[in-house]
Amino acid sequence: MERTFVAIPIILKWDIPRRVYNRIVTKSIYLGPYDVLTEQLIAARKSAKMTQAEVAVKLQKPQSFVSKYENAERRLDVVEFLMVCRALDADAVNIVKHADEGL
């Protein structure tokens, strides 16, 4: 019997985006739909031409707070979501509607 070897690429943690890595590691069934909402929040921030640090100042939170919810390391509750939308001067209803369409 002849043995054959298959080369398997090694993917290092820093070779993939954090959001994808978190999805693999946590194996949460809820990250897929949550990612759609996160993408909408990131798009709203970029459309407002704001940095994470600027959003954090408006929220009176550290910049890591914004980074963590944008990278799916942390989830926002409804009140936090509304506060973020207000800081971005974004319509919360439209963000949820677009997220719902993306599911």
Protein backbone atom coordinates (compact mmCIF):
# COMPACT_ATOMS: atom_id res chain seq x y z
CA MET A 1 0.00 0.00 0.00
CA GLU A 2 1.47 3.28 -1.09
CA ARG A 3 1.16 6.31 1.20
CA THR A 4 0.32 9.71 -0.15
CA PHE A 5 0.77 12.94 1.69
CA VAL A 6 -1.36 16.01 1.37
CA ALA A 7 0.03 19.42 2.20
CA ILE A 8 -2.24 21.21 4.65
CA PRO A 9 -1.67 24.94 4.90
CA ILE A 10 -1.18 26.32 8.38
CA ILE A 11 -3.28 29.37 9.05
CA LEU A 12 -1.99 31.51 11.86
CA LYS A 13 -4.29 33.61 14.02
CA TRP A 14 -2.85 36.87 12.70
CA ASP A 15 -3.32 35.80 9.06
CA ILE A 16 -7.10 36.12 9.20
CA PRO A 17 -9.38 39.00 10.21
CA ARG A 18 -10.26 39.05 13.90
CA ARG A 19 -14.00 38.78 13.16
CA VAL A 20 -13.44 35.52 11.22
CA TYR A 21 -11.10 34.18 13.89
CA ASN A 22 -13.63 34.92 16.65
CA ARG A 23 -16.33 33.11 14.70
CA ILE A 24 -14.11 30.02 14.39
CA VAL A 25 -13.03 30.04 18.03
CA THR A 26 -16.40 30.77 19.67
CA LYS A 27 -18.43 28.56 17.32
CA SER A 28 -21.47 30.61 18.21
CA ILE A 29 -24.51 30.09 16.02
CA TYR A 30 -25.46 33.72 16.63
CA LEU A 31 -22.36 35.35 15.18
CA GLY A 32 -23.55 35.09 11.56
CA PRO A 33 -26.63 37.28 11.98
CA TYR A 34 -24.79 39.51 14.46
CA ASP A 35 -22.02 40.09 11.91
CA VAL A 36 -24.58 41.63 9.55
CA LEU A 37 -25.54 44.19 12.20
CA THR A 38 -21.89 44.85 13.02
CA GLU A 39 -21.13 45.52 9.35
CA GLN A 40 -23.98 48.05 9.28
CA LEU A 41 -22.55 49.85 12.32
CA ILE A 42 -19.08 49.95 10.77
CA ALA A 43 -20.54 51.31 7.52
CA ALA A 44 -22.47 53.97 9.48
CA ARG A 45 -19.29 55.03 11.30
CA LYS A 46 -17.31 55.27 8.08
CA SER A 47 -20.13 57.16 6.38
CA ALA A 48 -20.07 59.64 9.27
CA LYS A 49 -16.31 59.93 8.63
CA MET A 50 -15.57 59.13 12.25
CA THR A 51 -12.77 57.10 13.78
CA GLN A 52 -13.34 54.57 16.53
CA ALA A 53 -11.70 57.02 18.93
CA GLU A 54 -14.12 59.79 17.98
CA VAL A 55 -17.12 57.52 18.51
CA ALA A 56 -15.69 56.44 21.86
CA VAL A 57 -15.35 60.07 22.99
CA LYS A 58 -19.02 60.71 22.14
CA LEU A 59 -20.01 57.57 24.05
CA GLN A 60 -17.71 58.43 26.96
CA LYS A 61 -16.17 54.98 26.63
CA PRO A 62 -12.64 53.79 25.82
CA GLN A 63 -11.77 53.25 22.16
CA SER A 64 -11.49 49.53 22.89
CA PHE A 65 -15.26 49.45 23.51
CA VAL A 66 -15.88 50.44 19.88
CA SER A 67 -13.19 48.11 18.61
CA LYS A 68 -14.61 45.16 20.52
CA TYR A 69 -18.17 45.48 19.25
CA GLU A 70 -16.92 46.10 15.70
CA ASN A 71 -14.76 42.97 15.84
CA ALA A 72 -17.53 40.83 17.38
CA GLU A 73 -15.56 40.39 20.60
CA ARG A 74 -18.43 42.00 22.48
CA ARG A 75 -22.14 42.34 21.86
CA LEU A 76 -24.22 45.44 22.29
CA ASP A 77 -27.49 45.38 24.16
CA VAL A 78 -30.41 47.43 22.83
CA VAL A 79 -29.65 50.53 24.91
CA GLU A 80 -25.96 50.49 23.90
CA PHE A 81 -26.96 50.00 20.25
CA LEU A 82 -29.20 53.08 20.44
CA MET A 83 -26.43 55.09 22.10
CA VAL A 84 -24.00 54.10 19.33
CA CYS A 85 -26.54 55.08 16.66
CA ARG A 86 -27.04 58.44 18.35
CA ALA A 87 -23.25 58.99 18.52
CA LEU A 88 -23.00 58.21 14.80
CA ASP A 89 -26.05 60.36 14.03
CA ALA A 90 -27.43 57.25 12.30
CA ASP A 91 -31.00 56.02 12.04
CA ALA A 92 -31.27 52.91 14.24
CA VAL A 93 -34.37 51.72 12.36
CA ASN A 94 -32.56 51.84 9.00
CA ILE A 95 -29.57 49.99 10.42
CA VAL A 96 -31.78 47.22 11.78
CA LYS A 97 -33.77 47.10 8.53
CA HIS A 98 -30.60 46.73 6.44
CA ALA A 99 -29.27 44.12 8.84
CA ASP A 100 -32.55 42.21 8.59
CA GLU A 101 -32.37 42.28 4.79
CA GLY A 102 -28.83 40.87 4.98
CA LEU A 103 -29.85 37.80 6.98
